[in-house]
Amino acid sequence: MASILVCDDQRSICEMLDISLRKDGHKVETVNAGEAAKKKLSSANFEVLITDIKMPQTDGIEVLRFARQSSPRPRSSSSPRWKTMRPRCRR
C-alpha cells in the first residue's frame, strides 16, 4: 500500500487519520508542524502527503510547495478547516 505523510497541528486529526489509514494497510507517518513535514519529506519518500493548510509558522501551502520541489513528487491533499471549501487532491 501507499506510504503517507500526515501533517496537521491538531494531534487528534493526525491520530484519527493514522488509525484509519493504517487499518487500510498504508504505512503512515504523522507530524504536527510544517517544518517537521519538510524535514520528513527531505529524508524519506512518500507517495501521498495530507496536510492542513492553516498552521502556525510554516503553513500547508509552504509544505506543498516544498513537496512539489522534491523528487519523486507525492500526491497531495490539503485540508482546509472551512466548511464551505472541499479538500483538493493533486497528482
N, C-alpha and C. Protein backbone atom coordinates (compact mmCIF):
# COMPACT_ATOMS: atom_id res chain seq x y z
N MET A 1 0.83 -1.19 0.00
CA MET A 1 0.00 0.00 0.00
C MET A 1 0.88 1.26 0.00
N ALA A 2 0.24 2.41 0.12
CA ALA A 2 0.93 3.69 -0.02
C ALA A 2 1.69 4.09 1.25
N SER A 3 2.75 4.82 1.05
CA SER A 3 3.49 5.47 2.13
C SER A 3 2.96 6.89 2.24
N ILE A 4 2.40 7.25 3.40
CA ILE A 4 1.66 8.51 3.55
C ILE A 4 2.25 9.35 4.68
N LEU A 5 2.41 10.65 4.43
CA LEU A 5 2.79 11.60 5.46
C LEU A 5 1.58 12.47 5.76
N VAL A 6 1.20 12.54 7.04
CA VAL A 6 0.09 13.37 7.50
C VAL A 6 0.66 14.51 8.33
N CYS A 7 0.27 15.73 7.99
CA CYS A 7 0.74 16.91 8.72
C CYS A 7 -0.45 17.76 9.15
N ASP A 8 -0.63 17.90 10.45
CA ASP A 8 -1.70 18.74 11.00
C ASP A 8 -1.27 19.18 12.39
N ASP A 9 -1.53 20.43 12.73
CA ASP A 9 -1.15 20.93 14.05
C ASP A 9 -2.06 20.43 15.16
N GLN A 10 -3.16 19.79 14.81
CA GLN A 10 -4.04 19.18 15.81
C GLN A 10 -3.73 17.69 15.90
N ARG A 11 -3.23 17.27 17.04
CA ARG A 11 -2.85 15.86 17.23
C ARG A 11 -4.02 14.90 16.98
N SER A 12 -5.22 15.31 17.37
CA SER A 12 -6.38 14.42 17.21
C SER A 12 -6.64 14.11 15.73
N ILE A 13 -6.42 15.07 14.86
CA ILE A 13 -6.60 14.84 13.41
C ILE A 13 -5.55 13.85 12.92
N CYS A 14 -4.31 14.05 13.34
CA CYS A 14 -3.24 13.13 12.94
C CYS A 14 -3.53 11.72 13.42
N GLU A 15 -3.96 11.60 14.67
CA GLU A 15 -4.25 10.28 15.22
C GLU A 15 -5.41 9.60 14.49
N MET A 16 -6.46 10.35 14.20
CA MET A 16 -7.62 9.78 13.51
C MET A 16 -7.22 9.28 12.11
N LEU A 17 -6.47 10.10 11.37
CA LEU A 17 -6.04 9.70 10.04
C LEU A 17 -5.06 8.53 10.10
N ASP A 18 -4.17 8.54 11.08
CA ASP A 18 -3.21 7.46 11.26
C ASP A 18 -3.93 6.13 11.47
N ILE A 19 -4.88 6.10 12.38
CA ILE A 19 -5.63 4.87 12.67
C ILE A 19 -6.40 4.40 11.44
N SER A 20 -7.10 5.31 10.80
CA SER A 20 -7.92 4.95 9.65
C SER A 20 -7.08 4.44 8.48
N LEU A 21 -5.99 5.14 8.18
CA LEU A 21 -5.17 4.75 7.03
C LEU A 21 -4.40 3.46 7.29
N ARG A 22 -3.95 3.25 8.53
CA ARG A 22 -3.25 2.00 8.87
C ARG A 22 -4.20 0.80 8.76
N LYS A 23 -5.46 1.00 9.14
CA LYS A 23 -6.45 -0.08 9.01
C LYS A 23 -6.59 -0.51 7.57
N ASP A 24 -6.39 0.43 6.65
CA ASP A 24 -6.46 0.12 5.22
C ASP A 24 -5.14 -0.43 4.68
N GLY A 25 -4.15 -0.60 5.56
CA GLY A 25 -2.89 -1.20 5.17
C GLY A 25 -1.80 -0.26 4.73
N HIS A 26 -1.99 1.04 4.90
CA HIS A 26 -0.98 2.01 4.48
C HIS A 26 0.09 2.20 5.56
N LYS A 27 1.27 2.58 5.12
CA LYS A 27 2.35 2.97 6.03
C LYS A 27 2.20 4.46 6.27
N VAL A 28 2.03 4.88 7.53
CA VAL A 28 1.70 6.27 7.84
C VAL A 28 2.72 6.85 8.82
N GLU A 29 3.15 8.07 8.54
CA GLU A 29 3.93 8.86 9.50
C GLU A 29 3.17 10.17 9.71
N THR A 30 3.19 10.66 10.95
CA THR A 30 2.49 11.91 11.26
C THR A 30 3.46 12.92 11.86
N VAL A 31 3.19 14.19 11.57
CA VAL A 31 3.93 15.31 12.17
C VAL A 31 2.94 16.41 12.52
N ASN A 32 3.32 17.26 13.47
CA ASN A 32 2.41 18.29 13.95
C ASN A 32 2.81 19.70 13.57
N ALA A 33 3.73 19.84 12.61
CA ALA A 33 4.16 21.18 12.20
C ALA A 33 4.71 21.13 10.78
N GLY A 34 4.61 22.25 10.09
CA GLY A 34 5.09 22.33 8.72
C GLY A 34 6.57 22.09 8.58
N GLU A 35 7.38 22.62 9.48
CA GLU A 35 8.83 22.41 9.41
C GLU A 35 9.18 20.95 9.60
N ALA A 36 8.47 20.26 10.48
CA ALA A 36 8.69 18.83 10.69
C ALA A 36 8.33 18.05 9.42
N ALA A 37 7.28 18.47 8.74
CA ALA A 37 6.89 17.81 7.49
C ALA A 37 7.98 17.99 6.44
N LYS A 38 8.53 19.19 6.34
CA LYS A 38 9.59 19.45 5.36
C LYS A 38 10.81 18.58 5.65
N LYS A 39 11.15 18.39 6.92
CA LYS A 39 12.29 17.54 7.28
C LYS A 39 12.01 16.09 6.89
N LYS A 40 10.79 15.61 7.14
CA LYS A 40 10.43 14.24 6.76
C LYS A 40 10.48 14.07 5.24
N LEU A 41 9.97 15.05 4.52
CA LEU A 41 9.98 14.98 3.06
C LEU A 41 11.40 14.97 2.51
N SER A 42 12.32 15.61 3.23
CA SER A 42 13.72 15.64 2.79
C SER A 42 14.42 14.31 3.03
N SER A 43 13.97 13.58 4.04
CA SER A 43 14.69 12.36 4.43
C SER A 43 14.02 11.07 3.98
N ALA A 44 12.80 11.12 3.48
CA ALA A 44 12.10 9.90 3.07
C ALA A 44 11.20 10.19 1.87
N ASN A 45 10.86 9.13 1.15
CA ASN A 45 9.95 9.26 0.01
C ASN A 45 8.55 8.86 0.42
N PHE A 46 7.59 9.72 0.16
CA PHE A 46 6.19 9.45 0.46
C PHE A 46 5.41 9.49 -0.85
N GLU A 47 4.47 8.59 -0.97
CA GLU A 47 3.63 8.57 -2.16
C GLU A 47 2.48 9.55 -2.05
N VAL A 48 2.05 9.83 -0.79
CA VAL A 48 0.92 10.72 -0.55
C VAL A 48 1.26 11.65 0.60
N LEU A 49 0.87 12.92 0.46
CA LEU A 49 1.02 13.92 1.52
C LEU A 49 -0.37 14.48 1.82
N ILE A 50 -0.77 14.41 3.09
CA ILE A 50 -2.02 15.02 3.54
C ILE A 50 -1.64 16.09 4.53
N THR A 51 -2.01 17.34 4.24
CA THR A 51 -1.61 18.44 5.12
C THR A 51 -2.74 19.42 5.36
N ASP A 52 -2.77 19.95 6.56
CA ASP A 52 -3.66 21.05 6.90
C ASP A 52 -3.09 22.31 6.24
N ILE A 53 -3.92 23.22 5.87
CA ILE A 53 -3.45 24.46 5.25
C ILE A 53 -3.11 25.50 6.31
N LYS A 54 -4.02 25.72 7.25
CA LYS A 54 -3.81 26.76 8.27
C LYS A 54 -3.09 26.19 9.49
N MET A 55 -1.78 26.45 9.54
CA MET A 55 -0.96 26.03 10.68
C MET A 55 -0.06 27.21 11.05
N PRO A 56 0.33 27.29 12.32
CA PRO A 56 1.24 28.36 12.72
C PRO A 56 2.62 28.20 12.08
N GLN A 57 3.32 29.27 11.93
CA GLN A 57 4.67 29.33 11.36
C GLN A 57 4.70 28.84 9.93
N THR A 58 5.00 27.58 9.66
CA THR A 58 5.05 27.06 8.29
C THR A 58 3.69 26.47 7.95
N ASP A 59 2.96 27.10 7.03
CA ASP A 59 1.61 26.63 6.71
C ASP A 59 1.65 25.51 5.66
N GLY A 60 0.49 24.93 5.42
CA GLY A 60 0.38 23.81 4.50
C GLY A 60 0.74 24.15 3.06
N ILE A 61 0.49 25.38 2.65
CA ILE A 61 0.85 25.80 1.28
C ILE A 61 2.36 25.73 1.10
N GLU A 62 3.10 26.18 2.09
CA GLU A 62 4.56 26.11 2.01
C GLU A 62 5.03 24.66 2.00
N VAL A 63 4.38 23.80 2.77
CA VAL A 63 4.72 22.38 2.77
C VAL A 63 4.46 21.77 1.39
N LEU A 64 3.32 22.10 0.79
CA LEU A 64 3.00 21.60 -0.54
C LEU A 64 4.01 22.10 -1.59
N ARG A 65 4.40 23.35 -1.50
CA ARG A 65 5.40 23.88 -2.43
C ARG A 65 6.72 23.13 -2.29
N PHE A 66 7.11 22.89 -1.04
CA PHE A 66 8.34 22.15 -0.78
C PHE A 66 8.25 20.74 -1.35
N ALA A 67 7.09 20.10 -1.15
CA ALA A 67 6.90 18.73 -1.64
C ALA A 67 6.97 18.67 -3.16
N ARG A 68 6.43 19.69 -3.82
CA ARG A 68 6.46 19.72 -5.29
C ARG A 68 7.88 19.84 -5.82
N GLN A 69 8.76 20.46 -5.04
CA GLN A 69 10.15 20.62 -5.46
C GLN A 69 10.96 19.34 -5.26
N SER A 70 10.51 18.49 -4.33
CA SER A 70 11.25 17.25 -4.07
C SER A 70 10.89 16.20 -5.11
N SER A 71 11.75 15.23 -5.24
CA SER A 71 11.54 14.20 -6.24
C SER A 71 11.69 12.84 -5.57
N PRO A 72 10.83 11.87 -5.79
CA PRO A 72 9.65 11.96 -6.62
C PRO A 72 8.55 12.75 -5.92
N ARG A 73 7.71 13.38 -6.70
CA ARG A 73 6.65 14.23 -6.17
C ARG A 73 5.49 13.40 -5.65
N PRO A 74 5.10 13.60 -4.38
CA PRO A 74 3.96 12.84 -3.85
C PRO A 74 2.63 13.41 -4.32
N ARG A 75 1.60 12.61 -4.29
CA ARG A 75 0.24 13.12 -4.45
C ARG A 75 -0.05 13.90 -3.18
N SER A 76 -0.84 14.93 -3.28
CA SER A 76 -1.08 15.74 -2.10
C SER A 76 -2.55 16.06 -1.93
N SER A 77 -2.92 16.26 -0.68
CA SER A 77 -4.28 16.66 -0.35
C SER A 77 -4.19 17.72 0.72
N SER A 78 -4.85 18.84 0.51
CA SER A 78 -4.87 19.88 1.53
C SER A 78 -6.21 19.81 2.24
N SER A 79 -6.21 20.12 3.52
CA SER A 79 -7.45 20.01 4.29
C SER A 79 -7.78 21.32 5.00
N PRO A 80 -8.41 22.24 4.29
CA PRO A 80 -8.81 23.49 4.95
C PRO A 80 -9.90 23.22 5.96
N ARG A 81 -9.99 24.05 6.96
CA ARG A 81 -10.96 23.83 8.02
C ARG A 81 -12.28 24.54 7.78
N TRP A 82 -12.39 25.23 6.67
CA TRP A 82 -13.62 25.95 6.39
C TRP A 82 -14.64 24.99 5.82
N LYS A 83 -15.87 25.01 6.32
CA LYS A 83 -16.90 24.08 5.89
C LYS A 83 -17.31 24.30 4.43
N THR A 84 -17.13 25.50 3.92
CA THR A 84 -17.57 25.78 2.56
C THR A 84 -16.56 25.33 1.51
N MET A 85 -15.36 24.96 1.93
CA MET A 85 -14.33 24.53 0.98
C MET A 85 -14.15 23.03 1.05
N ARG A 86 -13.84 22.42 -0.07
CA ARG A 86 -13.57 21.00 -0.11
C ARG A 86 -12.08 20.77 -0.25
N PRO A 87 -11.55 19.68 0.36
CA PRO A 87 -10.14 19.36 0.17
C PRO A 87 -9.83 19.14 -1.31
N ARG A 88 -8.65 19.52 -1.72
CA ARG A 88 -8.23 19.34 -3.11
C ARG A 88 -7.20 18.23 -3.19
N CYS A 89 -7.31 17.43 -4.20
CA CYS A 89 -6.31 16.38 -4.44
C CYS A 89 -5.58 16.70 -5.73
N ARG A 90 -4.29 16.54 -5.70
CA ARG A 90 -3.47 16.77 -6.89
C ARG A 90 -2.61 15.55 -7.11
N ARG A 91 -2.29 15.32 -8.32
CA ARG A 91 -1.37 14.23 -8.61
C ARG A 91 -0.12 14.78 -9.23
